[in-house]
Protein backbone atom coordinates (compact mmCIF):
# COMPACT_ATOMS: atom_id res chain seq x y z
CA UNK A 1 2.73 -58.25 -38.43
CA UNK A 2 -0.38 -60.23 -38.01
CA UNK A 3 -3.54 -58.37 -39.03
CA UNK A 4 -6.89 -59.37 -37.57
CA UNK A 5 -8.81 -61.32 -40.27
CA UNK A 6 -12.26 -60.16 -38.96
CA UNK A 7 -11.37 -56.54 -39.31
CA UNK A 8 -9.92 -57.07 -42.82
CA UNK A 9 -13.05 -58.83 -43.93
CA UNK A 10 -15.23 -55.95 -42.74
CA UNK A 11 -13.07 -53.51 -44.74
CA UNK A 12 -13.46 -55.78 -47.82
CA UNK A 13 -17.18 -55.53 -47.35
CA UNK A 14 -16.87 -51.74 -48.17
CA UNK A 15 -15.80 -52.68 -51.77
CA UNK A 16 -12.09 -52.90 -51.14
CA UNK A 17 -9.74 -55.84 -52.25
CA UNK A 18 -7.92 -57.89 -49.80
CA UNK A 19 -4.58 -55.96 -50.44
CA UNK A 20 -6.41 -52.67 -50.27
CA UNK A 21 -7.99 -53.68 -46.95
CA UNK A 22 -4.61 -54.75 -45.52
CA UNK A 23 -2.95 -51.52 -46.66
CA UNK A 24 -5.95 -49.27 -45.15
CA UNK A 25 -5.78 -51.17 -41.82
CA UNK A 26 -2.04 -50.35 -41.54
CA UNK A 27 -2.53 -46.72 -42.46
CA UNK A 28 -5.45 -46.24 -40.14
CA UNK A 29 -3.77 -47.74 -37.12
CA UNK A 30 -0.23 -46.26 -37.52
CA UNK A 31 -0.54 -43.20 -39.55
CA UNK A 32 -3.75 -41.84 -41.00
CA UNK A 33 -1.91 -40.40 -43.87
CA UNK A 34 -0.36 -41.90 -46.99
CA UNK A 35 0.53 -41.28 -50.65
CA UNK A 36 -0.07 -43.53 -53.55
CA UNK A 37 3.72 -44.07 -53.86
CA UNK A 38 3.38 -46.03 -50.51
CA UNK A 39 0.44 -48.04 -51.76
CA UNK A 40 2.29 -49.02 -54.86
CA UNK A 41 5.25 -50.08 -52.64
CA UNK A 42 3.04 -52.16 -50.40
CA UNK A 43 1.42 -53.94 -53.36
CA UNK A 44 4.28 -53.95 -55.86
CA UNK A 45 2.22 -52.15 -58.39
CA UNK A 46 2.95 -49.40 -60.67
CA UNK A 47 1.24 -46.13 -61.65
CA UNK A 48 -2.07 -46.81 -63.41
CA UNK A 49 -5.45 -48.40 -62.80
CA UNK A 50 -4.68 -50.19 -59.53
CA UNK A 51 -3.87 -47.06 -57.48
CA UNK A 52 -6.42 -44.95 -59.36
CA UNK A 53 -9.19 -47.31 -58.35
CA UNK A 54 -8.25 -47.21 -54.72
CA UNK A 55 -8.18 -43.35 -54.89
CA UNK A 56 -11.55 -43.19 -56.58
CA UNK A 57 -13.20 -45.49 -54.01
CA UNK A 58 -11.76 -43.69 -51.03
CA UNK A 59 -12.93 -40.28 -52.30
CA UNK A 60 -16.05 -41.52 -53.82
CA UNK A 61 -17.32 -43.20 -50.58
CA UNK A 62 -16.11 -40.35 -48.33
CA UNK A 63 -13.63 -42.47 -46.50
CA UNK A 64 -10.58 -40.24 -47.22
CA UNK A 65 -9.80 -36.76 -48.49
CA UNK A 66 -6.76 -35.24 -50.32
CA UNK A 67 -5.31 -32.94 -47.70
CA UNK A 68 -2.11 -31.66 -49.34
CA UNK A 69 -0.08 -31.77 -52.56
CA UNK A 70 3.40 -32.42 -53.51
CA UNK A 71 4.85 -31.56 -56.92
CA UNK A 72 3.78 -34.82 -58.35
CA UNK A 73 1.39 -36.58 -55.82
CA UNK A 74 -1.58 -36.19 -53.50
CA UNK A 75 -1.41 -36.71 -49.74
CA UNK A 76 -4.44 -38.67 -48.61
CA UNK A 77 -5.99 -38.56 -45.08
CA UNK A 78 -8.23 -41.55 -43.97
CA UNK A 79 -10.71 -39.87 -41.64
CA UNK A 80 -14.14 -41.61 -42.02
CA UNK A 81 -15.69 -43.25 -39.07
CA UNK A 82 -17.32 -45.61 -41.54
CA UNK A 83 -13.87 -46.98 -42.33
CA UNK A 84 -12.35 -46.96 -38.80
CA UNK A 85 -15.55 -48.46 -37.20
CA UNK A 86 -15.19 -51.91 -38.90
CA UNK A 87 -11.66 -52.11 -37.33
CA UNK A 88 -12.99 -51.18 -33.95
CA UNK A 89 -10.79 -48.11 -33.93
CA UNK A 90 -13.36 -45.37 -34.62
CA UNK A 91 -11.82 -43.38 -31.54
CA UNK A 92 -8.30 -43.32 -32.96
CA UNK A 93 -6.99 -39.71 -33.18
CA UNK A 94 -5.47 -40.51 -36.60
CA UNK A 95 -8.98 -39.65 -37.81
CA UNK A 96 -8.62 -36.05 -36.65
CA UNK A 97 -7.16 -33.07 -38.45
CA UNK A 98 -3.50 -32.55 -37.67
CA UNK A 99 -0.62 -30.05 -38.18
CA UNK A 100 1.58 -30.02 -41.13
CA UNK A 101 4.42 -31.30 -39.22
CA UNK A 102 2.44 -34.23 -37.89
CA UNK A 103 1.54 -35.22 -41.46
CA UNK A 104 5.13 -35.26 -42.55
CA UNK A 105 6.14 -37.27 -39.51
CA UNK A 106 3.44 -39.83 -40.18
CA UNK A 107 4.61 -40.33 -43.76
CA UNK A 108 8.13 -41.30 -42.47
CA UNK A 109 6.50 -43.53 -39.73
CA UNK A 110 4.46 -45.32 -42.32
CA UNK A 111 7.40 -45.93 -44.53
CA UNK A 112 9.15 -47.59 -41.61
CA UNK A 113 6.05 -49.75 -40.76
CA UNK A 114 5.57 -50.86 -44.43
CA UNK A 115 9.22 -51.79 -44.60
CA UNK A 116 9.31 -53.75 -41.37
CA UNK A 117 6.06 -55.72 -41.35
CA UNK A 118 7.72 -58.69 -39.56
CA UNK A 119 7.61 -56.94 -36.20
CA UNK A 120 4.63 -57.43 -33.79
CA UNK A 121 3.78 -53.90 -32.98
CA UNK A 122 1.79 -52.74 -29.96
CA UNK A 123 -0.99 -50.99 -31.98
CA UNK A 124 -2.97 -49.08 -29.41
CA UNK A 125 -2.48 -47.14 -26.29
CA UNK A 126 -4.15 -49.85 -24.20
CA UNK A 127 -1.90 -52.50 -25.73
CA UNK A 128 1.15 -50.50 -24.50
CA UNK A 129 -0.27 -49.88 -21.05
CA UNK A 130 -1.12 -53.53 -20.55
CA UNK A 131 2.30 -54.74 -21.47
CA UNK A 132 4.21 -52.37 -19.19
CA UNK A 133 1.79 -52.46 -16.35
CA UNK A 134 0.41 -55.97 -16.49
CA UNK A 135 3.24 -57.98 -17.98
CA UNK A 136 6.23 -56.02 -16.54
CA UNK A 137 4.64 -54.77 -13.40
CA UNK A 138 5.48 -51.11 -13.90
CA UNK A 139 3.32 -48.48 -12.32
CA UNK A 140 1.32 -46.24 -14.52
CA UNK A 141 2.95 -43.23 -12.97
CA UNK A 142 6.16 -44.16 -14.77
CA UNK A 143 4.56 -44.22 -18.27
CA UNK A 144 4.92 -41.25 -20.67
CA UNK A 145 1.56 -39.36 -20.21
CA UNK A 146 -0.26 -36.22 -21.20
CA UNK A 147 -3.20 -34.61 -19.30
CA UNK A 148 -5.90 -33.18 -21.30
CA UNK A 149 -8.15 -30.64 -19.52
CA UNK A 150 -12.02 -30.85 -20.03
CA UNK A 151 -14.55 -28.09 -20.00
CA UNK A 152 -14.48 -28.19 -16.13
CA UNK A 153 -11.59 -28.73 -13.81
CA UNK A 154 -12.86 -32.25 -12.98
CA UNK A 155 -12.91 -33.27 -16.56
CA UNK A 156 -9.42 -34.35 -16.90
CA UNK A 157 -8.19 -37.20 -19.24
CA UNK A 158 -4.80 -38.89 -18.90
CA UNK A 159 -3.57 -40.35 -22.22
CA UNK A 160 -0.38 -42.58 -22.48
CA UNK A 161 2.14 -42.80 -25.34
CA UNK A 162 0.53 -40.01 -27.26
CA UNK A 163 3.35 -39.74 -29.77
CA UNK A 164 2.31 -43.16 -31.20
CA UNK A 165 5.79 -43.92 -32.42
CA UNK A 166 6.42 -47.52 -33.27
CA UNK A 167 6.87 -49.70 -30.22
CA UNK A 168 7.55 -53.49 -30.56
CA UNK A 169 9.76 -56.44 -29.46
CA UNK A 170 12.79 -57.37 -31.38
CA UNK A 171 16.33 -58.72 -30.82
CA UNK A 172 18.82 -55.83 -30.32
CA UNK A 173 21.52 -57.88 -31.92
CA UNK A 174 21.40 -61.22 -33.91
CA UNK A 175 21.28 -64.11 -31.68
CA UNK A 176 19.79 -62.22 -28.64
CA UNK A 177 16.36 -62.42 -27.22
CA UNK A 178 13.75 -59.84 -28.14
CA UNK A 179 13.66 -56.70 -26.05
CA UNK A 180 11.19 -53.81 -25.94
CA UNK A 181 12.12 -51.29 -28.66
CA UNK A 182 11.16 -47.71 -28.45
CA UNK A 183 11.54 -45.36 -31.27
CA UNK A 184 11.52 -41.76 -32.45
CA UNK A 185 10.54 -40.57 -35.94
CA UNK A 186 12.34 -37.52 -37.37
CA UNK A 187 10.70 -36.09 -40.46
CA UNK A 188 13.69 -33.67 -40.87
CA UNK A 189 11.85 -30.59 -39.65
CA UNK A 190 11.99 -30.98 -35.84
CA UNK A 191 14.25 -29.07 -33.66
CA UNK A 192 17.07 -30.90 -31.80
CA UNK A 193 15.30 -29.93 -28.58
CA UNK A 194 12.27 -31.99 -29.66
CA UNK A 195 14.16 -35.24 -29.38
CA UNK A 196 15.60 -34.25 -26.00
CA UNK A 197 12.01 -33.48 -24.77
CA UNK A 198 10.90 -36.87 -25.97
CA UNK A 199 13.57 -38.67 -24.05
CA UNK A 200 12.73 -36.66 -20.93
CA UNK A 201 9.10 -37.68 -21.15
CA UNK A 202 10.16 -41.43 -21.33
CA UNK A 203 12.95 -41.07 -18.62
CA UNK A 204 11.01 -42.62 -15.78
CA UNK A 205 9.96 -45.54 -17.83
CA UNK A 206 13.47 -46.11 -18.98
CA UNK A 207 14.65 -46.17 -15.37
CA UNK A 208 12.31 -49.16 -14.64
CA UNK A 209 13.87 -51.36 -17.41
CA UNK A 210 16.99 -53.47 -17.17
CA UNK A 211 17.29 -53.66 -20.88
CA UNK A 212 15.75 -51.89 -23.87
CA UNK A 213 16.37 -50.70 -27.34
CA UNK A 214 15.89 -47.27 -28.81
CA UNK A 215 15.58 -46.76 -32.56
CA UNK A 216 16.02 -43.42 -34.24
CA UNK A 217 14.17 -43.32 -37.56
CA UNK A 218 14.92 -40.64 -40.04
CA UNK A 219 15.06 -39.93 -43.90
CA UNK A 220 18.52 -38.27 -43.59
CA UNK A 221 21.52 -40.13 -42.07
CA UNK A 222 22.99 -36.74 -41.28
CA UNK A 223 20.72 -36.61 -38.13
CA UNK A 224 22.15 -39.80 -36.64
CA UNK A 225 25.44 -38.78 -34.96
CA UNK A 226 23.86 -35.98 -33.07
CA UNK A 227 20.87 -38.15 -31.99
CA UNK A 228 23.16 -40.84 -30.66
CA UNK A 229 25.23 -38.33 -28.69
CA UNK A 230 22.21 -36.89 -27.24
CA UNK A 231 20.75 -40.28 -26.26
CA UNK A 232 23.96 -41.28 -24.65
CA UNK A 233 24.36 -38.04 -22.68
CA UNK A 234 20.69 -37.84 -21.51
CA UNK A 235 19.77 -41.59 -21.14
CA UNK A 236 22.48 -44.13 -21.42
CA UNK A 237 25.21 -42.73 -19.15
CA UNK A 238 22.85 -41.37 -16.44
CA UNK A 239 21.21 -44.78 -16.20
CA UNK A 240 24.40 -46.60 -15.83
CA UNK A 241 25.77 -44.19 -13.22
CA UNK A 242 22.41 -44.18 -11.36
CA UNK A 243 22.50 -47.94 -10.66
CA UNK A 244 25.17 -47.72 -7.91
CA UNK A 245 23.24 -45.00 -6.19
CA UNK A 246 20.07 -46.90 -6.22
CA UNK A 247 21.59 -50.07 -4.85
CA UNK A 248 23.05 -48.16 -1.89
CA UNK A 249 19.70 -46.54 -1.28
CA UNK A 250 18.07 -49.92 -1.49
CA UNK A 251 20.43 -51.33 1.12
CA UNK A 252 19.75 -48.49 3.61
CA UNK A 253 15.99 -48.66 3.32
CA UNK A 254 15.96 -52.45 3.52
CA UNK A 255 18.04 -52.57 6.66
CA UNK A 256 16.01 -49.87 8.27
CA UNK A 257 12.85 -51.79 7.52
CA UNK A 258 14.17 -55.24 8.59
CA UNK A 259 15.40 -53.56 11.89
CA UNK A 260 11.97 -52.23 12.48
CA UNK A 261 13.24 -48.61 12.57
CA UNK A 262 10.10 -47.25 10.84
CA UNK A 263 7.77 -45.83 13.54
CA UNK A 264 5.44 -44.50 10.86
CA UNK A 265 5.72 -46.11 7.47
CA UNK A 266 6.99 -43.77 4.82
CA UNK A 267 5.06 -44.54 1.67
CA UNK A 268 7.80 -43.44 -0.77
CA UNK A 269 10.41 -45.63 0.87
CA UNK A 270 8.11 -48.63 1.00
CA UNK A 271 7.39 -48.29 -2.78
CA UNK A 272 10.97 -47.92 -3.54
CA UNK A 273 11.81 -50.96 -1.42
CA UNK A 274 9.25 -53.13 -3.19
CA UNK A 275 10.49 -52.09 -6.64
CA UNK A 276 14.08 -52.53 -5.61
CA UNK A 277 13.65 -56.00 -4.24
CA UNK A 278 12.32 -57.12 -7.61
CA UNK A 279 14.84 -55.03 -9.65
CA UNK A 280 18.06 -56.09 -7.78
CA UNK A 281 17.23 -59.67 -6.83
CA UNK A 282 20.11 -62.09 -7.38
CA UNK A 283 22.90 -63.86 -5.46
CA UNK A 284 25.54 -61.13 -6.11
CA UNK A 285 23.49 -58.34 -4.75
CA UNK A 286 22.32 -60.38 -1.77
CA UNK A 287 25.91 -61.24 -1.00
CA UNK A 288 26.80 -57.62 -1.01
CA UNK A 289 24.00 -56.70 1.19
CA UNK A 290 24.85 -59.23 3.91
CA UNK A 291 28.52 -58.26 3.93
CA UNK A 292 27.53 -54.56 4.27
CA UNK A 293 25.05 -55.33 7.09
CA UNK A 294 27.69 -57.19 9.16
CA UNK A 295 30.18 -54.44 8.61
CA UNK A 296 32.60 -56.26 6.35
CA UNK A 297 32.15 -53.83 3.74
CA UNK A 298 32.45 -50.02 4.38
CA UNK A 299 30.57 -47.34 2.22
CA UNK A 300 33.57 -46.87 0.00
CA UNK A 301 34.26 -50.60 -0.37
CA UNK A 302 30.68 -51.27 -1.09
CA UNK A 303 30.53 -48.71 -3.96
CA UNK A 304 33.62 -50.22 -5.47
CA UNK A 305 32.07 -53.75 -5.25
CA UNK A 306 28.87 -52.44 -6.73
CA UNK A 307 30.78 -51.04 -9.75
CA UNK A 308 32.10 -54.62 -10.39
CA UNK A 309 29.07 -56.71 -9.46
CA UNK A 310 26.08 -54.47 -10.23
CA UNK A 311 23.43 -56.04 -12.39
CA UNK A 312 24.00 -55.45 -16.04
CA UNK A 313 21.87 -52.79 -17.67
CA UNK A 314 21.88 -53.25 -21.44
CA UNK A 315 20.68 -50.12 -23.22
CA UNK A 316 20.98 -50.25 -27.05
CA UNK A 317 20.70 -47.38 -29.54
CA UNK A 318 20.22 -47.94 -33.17
CA UNK A 319 19.35 -45.88 -36.23
CA UNK A 320 17.12 -46.61 -39.34
CA UNK A 321 17.33 -44.76 -42.57
CA UNK A 322 14.15 -44.23 -44.64
CA UNK A 323 15.94 -44.59 -47.98
CA UNK A 324 14.44 -43.30 -51.32
CA UNK A 325 11.67 -41.34 -49.80
CA UNK A 326 9.50 -40.15 -52.66
CA UNK A 327 7.93 -37.70 -52.98
CA UNK A 328 10.08 -35.73 -50.75
CA UNK A 329 8.31 -34.74 -47.59
CA UNK A 330 9.90 -31.24 -48.03
CA UNK A 331 7.81 -30.84 -51.14
CA UNK A 332 4.47 -31.22 -49.39
CA UNK A 333 2.78 -27.86 -49.69
CA UNK A 334 1.87 -26.32 -46.33
CA UNK A 335 -1.81 -26.19 -46.86
CA UNK A 336 -2.76 -28.37 -43.86
CA UNK A 337 -5.56 -30.85 -43.48
CA UNK A 338 -8.30 -28.62 -44.71
CA UNK A 339 -10.31 -30.47 -47.29
CA UNK A 340 -13.54 -31.85 -45.90
CA UNK A 341 -16.14 -34.24 -47.08
CA UNK A 342 -18.73 -32.53 -49.12
CA UNK A 343 -16.68 -29.64 -50.08
CA UNK A 344 -15.52 -28.90 -53.64
CA UNK A 345 -11.81 -28.36 -54.24
CA UNK A 346 -11.36 -29.02 -58.01
CA UNK A 347 -7.68 -28.13 -57.91
CA UNK A 348 -7.07 -30.93 -55.52
CA UNK A 349 -9.78 -33.40 -56.12
CA UNK A 350 -9.48 -33.27 -59.72
CA UNK A 351 -6.25 -35.09 -59.67
CA UNK A 352 -7.86 -37.92 -57.91
CA UNK A 353 -11.06 -38.19 -59.98
CA UNK A 354 -9.18 -37.96 -63.28
CA UNK A 355 -5.98 -39.83 -63.00
CA UNK A 356 -5.24 -40.37 -59.30
CA UNK A 357 -1.56 -39.50 -59.44
CA UNK A 358 -0.50 -37.92 -62.72
CA UNK A 359 3.20 -38.48 -62.39
CA UNK A 360 5.49 -41.13 -60.78
């Protein structure tokens, strides 16, 4: 992971060390929440002065608050615009208050990021939109999106990739070229239907890709088998079966277009034709098309040939175990993100001002 030097320098100007600045940048971009256990893992330090100094600076300057407690540690939330501003990310939603479930999920997500810093992650919503739309030529209509209503009916905002789960390029197997890698972070408290809903939101985007990898991240390997079965049934098998149907549809629309049978152009057909020409280009498909047009191949024979000659769609599924997660996310007390700057919560802030994290 290559962090922008200019942003790190600006964070250091707020009285943070280089390692503290790097850690805070990663937290701000990917999570918003962290524990000192994660800071110690990042820096290779132990309980003592180093994490205590960071906690005191964050609380003292109003850059973070303690928003929850575990049995032996504090959960910090980076929220100050004064800290996000130097990173040019003062509009990130990580600054906002979030639900208890969101906080637990973000702790697991941050553990993954800290353990896999070699990847080049797409940090922001715009980075992801640019990659799929500008580099891969995929329509925005196919991206996972959510519409936020404003005060009036005309004030609507469309946001993309609102889950903010890690998205990056990586080889699916050793020796292979990098492919786009999607992920889902399971903190252990989501329902099984949550994963299915997540896959449904990404379904249209998956259909546009010849190859991709999906990574299921969790702190308990007991979730992996069910997640893989759900992914295969909802995504992998339908995508593989759908390929033959799409090639047949492509042939029919293409022949109709080339024979000038469209009296009035059908926008949906033309859009499909344009995408299919790009998606199914190649000598094998072209040979099948010509044989089908001349009558050498009947419908049944064409489908049999497609099953043998269809372009390969490589869909990979992997799992990643967050091992040794401490403190347990299950121990985070459900008090929500309710501490605010300028308020006095001695039972919480006292831990930070006195010793930071009293136990390991």
